[in-house]
Amino acid sequence: MSIAKRLLAGMTSMLVGAAFCQTTVSAQALPDHTAKIAEGVYSYGPGDYFSMFVVTDEGVIAIESVNTQHSRGLLQAIRAVTDQPVKLMVHSHNHWDHASGGQVFRDAGATILAHDEAYEWMKANPGGDMVLPDESWGGNRKDITLGGTTIELHYLGMNHGLGMTVFRLPEQKVAYIADLVTPKRLLFTIVPDFNIREWERTLEEIIELDFDIAVYSHNQNADPLQGGTKQDVAETLQFIRDLRAAIYAEFEKGTNPFMVPGVVRLPKYQDWAMYDQWLEMNAWRVLLDDWMGPFPWQPDHGPSIDNR
């Protein structure tokens, strides 16, 4: 090999090594409890709750403030990733355990946004750590574009809480989904504030959305910071339907209805989190919804779009 070729080979090796080191350093430079999901898209979660933020050339959009402690950590993570200001903090729905802590982002100069239904509930039911959003939006769809990045806000009707919004970034094919899906975990305790049948419809509609990765507000996957996939949505839907089928199978056996929740078993899901603790409570809720009728319930005012 000529001297020139040796020098060229050596320089190429050095450049490849430098690029590898730079990639490694960049990955290591992410703050604690933070992961890069796609270009400009990050998840943050120091515990059982996960948020998402999107960095653009004109500012940052953050999703899910949770509470003051979580929001302070989320804001620190954003500032470690970019010097762009946070322009918008968006709530997924009304519940105190998700929509508190907003003052941290208001103090940082962000506008706080929620769906009209969540806004009205928050106004009527102020939590100790909650601030009323600065703005609200109505209808079933709102698109927000900042710095060339578009985020779709989808209100899919009644399912859980009020104003429940599913977020999708069409270019990155990333979604943010709160509470409607918790991968590899049973339904939450007594399944509070869920309309079961409408929840199933919603999950079917989420499956029809075009995304590859989802950041879930709660997640029992092996690496929850990396989110999950559409398969997690399908598995949650299947669990609900398998549980209902198991309940009706006990009815057909002649099992006393009041004994059914205590005897239902779903071995297929025995490795999911909280299987032993919550299966009976889940069964009671599905049984009662089919016996007494769905609750909560509200009228459907039809499709609409709000791009204020």
Protein backbone atom coordinates (compact mmCIF):
# COMPACT_ATOMS: atom_id res chain seq x y z
CA MET A 1 0.00 0.00 0.00
CA SER A 2 1.30 3.45 -0.92
CA ILE A 3 1.99 6.09 1.72
CA ALA A 4 -0.91 8.16 0.35
CA LYS A 5 -3.32 5.21 0.65
CA ARG A 6 -2.09 4.46 4.17
CA LEU A 7 -2.65 8.08 5.20
CA LEU A 8 -6.12 8.05 3.63
CA ALA A 9 -7.02 4.80 5.39
CA GLY A 10 -5.76 6.18 8.69
CA MET A 11 -7.73 9.40 8.32
CA THR A 12 -10.88 7.45 7.41
CA SER A 13 -10.47 5.28 10.49
CA MET A 14 -10.01 8.36 12.67
CA LEU A 15 -13.11 10.04 11.22
CA VAL A 16 -15.24 6.93 11.73
CA GLY A 17 -13.95 6.63 15.28
CA ALA A 18 -14.62 10.29 15.94
CA ALA A 19 -18.15 9.97 14.57
CA PHE A 20 -18.78 6.94 16.79
CA CYS A 21 -17.45 8.77 19.83
CA GLN A 22 -19.59 11.79 19.00
CA THR A 23 -22.70 9.58 18.73
CA THR A 24 -21.86 7.93 22.05
CA VAL A 25 -21.23 11.25 23.75
CA SER A 26 -24.50 12.63 22.37
CA ALA A 27 -26.40 9.64 23.71
CA GLN A 28 -24.68 9.91 27.08
CA ALA A 29 -25.37 13.64 27.18
CA LEU A 30 -29.12 13.14 27.53
CA PRO A 31 -30.28 14.04 31.03
CA ASP A 32 -31.45 11.38 33.46
CA HIS A 33 -34.86 9.80 32.82
CA THR A 34 -34.88 11.11 29.24
CA ALA A 35 -34.80 9.19 25.94
CA LYS A 36 -34.81 10.24 22.31
CA ILE A 37 -37.79 8.66 20.56
CA ALA A 38 -37.40 10.23 17.11
CA GLU A 39 -35.77 13.28 15.59
CA GLY A 40 -36.69 16.15 17.92
CA VAL A 41 -38.99 13.96 20.03
CA TYR A 42 -38.14 12.92 23.60
CA SER A 43 -39.77 11.05 26.46
CA TYR A 44 -39.26 11.92 30.11
CA GLY A 45 -40.20 9.84 33.12
CA PRO A 46 -38.48 9.48 36.50
CA GLY A 47 -41.12 7.13 37.90
CA ASP A 48 -44.58 5.85 37.02
CA TYR A 49 -45.57 8.81 34.82
CA PHE A 50 -44.09 9.63 31.42
CA SER A 51 -44.27 12.88 29.47
CA MET A 52 -43.17 13.78 25.97
CA PHE A 53 -41.64 16.91 24.48
CA VAL A 54 -40.99 18.03 20.93
CA VAL A 55 -38.12 20.33 20.05
CA THR A 56 -38.43 22.59 16.98
CA ASP A 57 -36.47 25.53 15.58
CA GLU A 58 -39.07 27.91 17.01
CA GLY A 59 -39.64 26.43 20.46
CA VAL A 60 -40.71 23.37 22.42
CA ILE A 61 -44.10 21.73 22.88
CA ALA A 62 -44.43 19.68 26.09
CA ILE A 63 -47.15 17.14 26.79
CA GLU A 64 -48.30 16.14 30.29
CA SER A 65 -47.22 18.19 33.30
CA VAL A 66 -48.32 15.55 35.90
CA ASN A 67 -47.41 17.54 39.04
CA THR A 68 -44.99 20.23 40.21
CA GLN A 69 -42.12 17.88 41.03
CA HIS A 70 -42.46 16.07 37.72
CA SER A 71 -42.77 19.36 35.83
CA ARG A 72 -39.61 20.75 37.36
CA GLY A 73 -37.69 17.67 36.27
CA LEU A 74 -39.27 17.78 32.82
CA LEU A 75 -38.34 21.43 32.38
CA GLN A 76 -34.76 20.72 33.46
CA ALA A 77 -34.59 17.88 30.93
CA ILE A 78 -35.87 20.16 28.17
CA ARG A 79 -33.30 22.82 29.03
CA ALA A 80 -30.54 20.21 29.00
CA VAL A 81 -31.54 19.16 25.48
CA THR A 82 -32.18 22.58 23.91
CA ASP A 83 -32.01 26.30 24.55
CA GLN A 84 -35.32 26.81 22.72
CA PRO A 85 -38.09 28.20 24.95
CA VAL A 86 -41.10 26.09 25.88
CA LYS A 87 -43.96 27.65 23.96
CA LEU A 88 -46.77 25.25 24.85
CA MET A 89 -47.70 22.75 27.57
CA VAL A 90 -50.64 20.55 26.57
CA HIS A 91 -52.75 18.38 28.90
CA SER A 92 -54.04 15.00 27.79
CA HIS A 93 -57.16 15.11 30.00
CA ASN A 94 -58.66 16.48 33.19
CA HIS A 95 -57.53 14.20 36.03
CA TRP A 96 -55.50 15.81 38.82
CA ASP A 97 -52.75 13.20 38.70
CA HIS A 98 -51.98 14.14 35.07
CA ALA A 99 -52.94 17.80 34.77
CA SER A 100 -51.27 19.31 37.85
CA GLY A 101 -47.97 21.19 37.99
CA GLY A 102 -48.77 23.58 35.15
CA GLN A 103 -47.56 26.65 37.04
CA VAL A 104 -43.96 25.50 36.45
CA PHE A 105 -44.45 25.91 32.71
CA ARG A 106 -46.51 29.08 33.02
CA ASP A 107 -43.63 30.62 34.97
CA ALA A 108 -41.30 29.51 32.16
CA GLY A 109 -43.41 31.45 29.65
CA ALA A 110 -45.42 28.60 28.15
CA THR A 111 -49.10 28.71 27.25
CA ILE A 112 -51.12 25.90 28.84
CA LEU A 113 -53.72 24.20 26.64
CA ALA A 114 -56.46 21.60 27.24
CA HIS A 115 -59.60 20.39 25.51
CA ASP A 116 -62.80 22.31 26.35
CA GLU A 117 -64.24 19.40 28.35
CA ALA A 118 -61.09 19.10 30.47
CA TYR A 119 -60.95 22.88 30.90
CA GLU A 120 -64.53 23.10 32.19
CA TRP A 121 -63.97 20.23 34.63
CA MET A 122 -60.72 21.75 35.89
CA LYS A 123 -62.47 25.08 36.37
CA ALA A 124 -65.20 23.42 38.45
CA ASN A 125 -62.84 21.04 40.32
CA PRO A 126 -59.58 22.87 41.06
CA GLY A 127 -56.84 20.68 42.46
CA GLY A 128 -54.30 21.94 44.96
CA ASP A 129 -51.43 21.62 42.47
CA MET A 130 -53.45 22.44 39.37
CA VAL A 131 -53.75 25.73 37.47
CA LEU A 132 -56.48 26.48 34.98
CA PRO A 133 -55.18 26.31 31.40
CA ASP A 134 -54.67 29.57 29.54
CA GLU A 135 -56.54 28.32 26.50
CA SER A 136 -58.85 25.51 25.47
CA TRP A 137 -59.86 23.94 22.20
CA GLY A 138 -63.08 22.29 21.06
CA GLY A 139 -64.16 19.62 18.64
CA ASN A 140 -62.52 16.37 17.70
CA ARG A 141 -59.32 17.57 16.04
CA LYS A 142 -56.80 20.37 16.33
CA ASP A 143 -53.46 20.65 14.53
CA ILE A 144 -50.60 22.67 15.98
CA THR A 145 -47.58 23.58 13.85
CA LEU A 146 -44.44 25.07 15.36
CA GLY A 147 -41.10 25.40 13.63
CA GLY A 148 -42.26 23.23 10.75
CA THR A 149 -43.36 20.39 13.04
CA THR A 150 -47.04 19.47 13.21
CA ILE A 151 -48.74 17.77 16.14
CA GLU A 152 -52.27 16.44 15.70
CA LEU A 153 -54.57 16.56 18.72
CA HIS A 154 -57.29 13.90 18.48
CA TYR A 155 -60.31 13.94 20.78
CA LEU A 156 -61.92 10.54 20.23
CA GLY A 157 -65.03 11.10 22.32
CA MET A 158 -66.03 9.49 25.55
CA ASN A 159 -63.63 6.88 26.94
CA HIS A 160 -61.73 7.96 30.07
CA GLY A 161 -61.99 11.21 31.98
CA LEU A 162 -62.93 14.36 30.09
CA GLY A 163 -61.29 15.86 27.06
CA MET A 164 -58.98 12.87 26.59
CA THR A 165 -56.58 13.77 23.79
CA VAL A 166 -54.35 11.43 21.78
CA PHE A 167 -51.39 13.17 20.16
CA ARG A 168 -49.76 12.19 16.86
CA LEU A 169 -46.76 13.54 14.99
CA PRO A 170 -47.44 12.51 11.39
CA GLU A 171 -43.93 13.05 10.04
CA GLN A 172 -42.18 11.17 12.85
CA LYS A 173 -45.02 8.63 13.20
CA VAL A 174 -44.96 9.02 16.99
CA ALA A 175 -48.00 9.14 19.29
CA TYR A 176 -48.55 10.09 22.92
CA ILE A 177 -51.28 8.13 24.72
CA ALA A 178 -52.30 8.70 28.33
CA ASP A 179 -54.13 6.15 30.51
CA LEU A 180 -56.02 4.46 27.65
CA VAL A 181 -53.18 1.97 27.28
CA THR A 182 -50.68 0.78 29.88
CA PRO A 183 -48.53 -1.88 28.22
CA LYS A 184 -48.19 -5.20 30.03
CA ARG A 185 -50.41 -4.20 32.97
CA LEU A 186 -54.00 -4.97 33.91
CA LEU A 187 -56.64 -2.23 33.86
CA PHE A 188 -56.18 0.25 36.70
CA THR A 189 -57.71 -1.05 39.97
CA ILE A 190 -61.52 -0.60 39.82
CA VAL A 191 -61.18 0.99 36.35
CA PRO A 192 -62.35 4.44 37.51
CA ASP A 193 -63.92 6.96 35.13
CA PHE A 194 -63.81 4.63 32.12
CA ASN A 195 -66.73 3.87 29.84
CA ILE A 196 -65.73 0.33 28.87
CA ARG A 197 -67.54 -0.03 25.54
CA GLU A 198 -66.53 3.45 24.39
CA TRP A 199 -62.98 2.71 25.50
CA GLU A 200 -62.98 -0.31 23.20
CA ARG A 201 -64.23 1.83 20.32
CA THR A 202 -61.50 4.38 21.04
CA LEU A 203 -58.79 1.72 21.02
CA GLU A 204 -60.05 0.52 17.63
CA GLU A 205 -59.78 4.10 16.32
CA ILE A 206 -56.28 4.52 17.75
CA ILE A 207 -55.20 1.37 15.94
CA GLU A 208 -56.30 3.03 12.70
CA LEU A 209 -53.99 6.02 13.30
CA ASP A 210 -50.67 5.92 11.47
CA PHE A 211 -47.85 5.66 14.02
CA ASP A 212 -44.97 3.32 14.76
CA ILE A 213 -43.95 4.37 18.29
CA ALA A 214 -46.08 5.54 21.20
CA VAL A 215 -45.01 7.18 24.42
CA TYR A 216 -47.44 5.93 27.09
CA SER A 217 -48.11 7.90 30.26
CA HIS A 218 -47.79 4.60 32.16
CA ASN A 219 -45.77 1.68 30.88
CA GLN A 220 -44.69 -1.75 32.12
CA ASN A 221 -42.57 -2.61 29.08
CA ALA A 222 -38.95 -3.54 29.75
CA ASP A 223 -37.72 -0.06 28.77
CA PRO A 224 -40.67 2.28 29.35
CA LEU A 225 -38.71 5.40 28.37
CA GLN A 226 -38.55 4.00 24.83
CA GLY A 227 -42.34 3.81 24.76
CA GLY A 228 -44.03 1.02 22.86
CA THR A 229 -45.85 0.20 19.65
CA LYS A 230 -49.35 -0.12 18.26
CA GLN A 231 -49.26 -3.74 19.40
CA ASP A 232 -49.67 -2.50 22.98
CA VAL A 233 -52.98 -0.90 21.97
CA ALA A 234 -54.18 -4.12 20.36
CA GLU A 235 -53.20 -6.16 23.42
CA THR A 236 -55.13 -3.86 25.78
CA LEU A 237 -58.22 -4.15 23.59
CA GLN A 238 -57.86 -7.92 23.49
CA PHE A 239 -57.50 -8.14 27.28
CA ILE A 240 -60.80 -6.31 27.79
CA ARG A 241 -62.55 -8.64 25.37
CA ASP A 242 -60.93 -11.76 26.81
CA LEU A 243 -62.02 -10.71 30.30
CA ARG A 244 -65.60 -10.16 29.16
CA ALA A 245 -65.60 -13.55 27.42
CA ALA A 246 -64.33 -15.25 30.59
CA ILE A 247 -67.10 -13.60 32.62
CA TYR A 248 -69.80 -14.80 30.22
CA ALA A 249 -68.27 -18.28 30.18
CA GLU A 250 -68.85 -18.41 33.95
CA PHE A 251 -72.47 -17.31 33.45
CA GLU A 252 -72.96 -20.18 31.02
CA LYS A 253 -71.57 -22.59 33.62
CA GLY A 254 -74.24 -21.36 36.04
CA THR A 255 -71.79 -19.61 38.38
CA ASN A 256 -73.51 -17.22 40.79
CA PRO A 257 -72.96 -13.72 39.27
CA PHE A 258 -71.68 -12.41 42.59
CA MET A 259 -69.04 -15.14 42.64
CA VAL A 260 -67.87 -14.64 39.04
CA PRO A 261 -65.22 -11.94 39.62
CA GLY A 262 -63.54 -14.09 42.24
CA VAL A 263 -63.25 -17.18 40.07
CA VAL A 264 -62.37 -15.68 36.67
CA ARG A 265 -58.83 -16.52 35.56
CA LEU A 266 -56.89 -15.40 32.48
CA PRO A 267 -53.59 -17.35 32.45
CA LYS A 268 -52.64 -15.68 29.15
CA TYR A 269 -52.05 -12.46 31.12
CA GLN A 270 -50.64 -13.84 34.36
CA ASP A 271 -47.25 -12.24 33.70
CA TRP A 272 -48.73 -8.77 33.34
CA ALA A 273 -48.21 -6.35 36.21
CA MET A 274 -50.86 -6.40 38.95
CA TYR A 275 -52.49 -9.59 37.69
CA ASP A 276 -53.04 -11.03 41.16
CA GLN A 277 -53.98 -7.71 42.76
CA TRP A 278 -56.38 -6.26 40.18
CA LEU A 279 -57.94 -9.06 38.12
CA GLU A 280 -60.96 -9.43 40.40
CA MET A 281 -61.53 -5.65 40.50
CA ASN A 282 -61.26 -5.51 36.70
CA ALA A 283 -63.82 -8.32 36.42
CA TRP A 284 -66.27 -6.54 38.72
CA ARG A 285 -66.11 -3.40 36.63
CA VAL A 286 -66.63 -5.12 33.27
CA LEU A 287 -69.45 -7.21 34.75
CA LEU A 288 -71.20 -4.19 36.26
CA ASP A 289 -70.97 -2.17 33.05
CA ASP A 290 -72.70 -4.99 31.17
CA TRP A 291 -75.28 -5.45 33.93
CA MET A 292 -76.18 -1.89 34.98
CA GLY A 293 -75.28 -0.04 31.80
CA PRO A 294 -72.30 2.09 30.87
CA PHE A 295 -71.05 4.86 33.08
CA PRO A 296 -70.01 7.59 32.82
CA TRP A 297 -71.96 8.66 29.74
CA GLN A 298 -72.45 11.85 27.77
CA PRO A 299 -74.13 12.73 24.45
CA ASP A 300 -72.18 12.68 21.20
CA HIS A 301 -72.35 16.10 19.56
CA GLY A 302 -70.89 14.87 16.29
CA PRO A 303 -67.53 15.39 14.56
CA SER A 304 -65.95 18.79 14.36
CA ILE A 305 -62.51 20.32 13.98
CA ASP A 306 -60.88 23.22 15.79
CA ASN A 307 -57.71 24.76 14.43
CA ARG A 308 -57.84 27.96 16.39
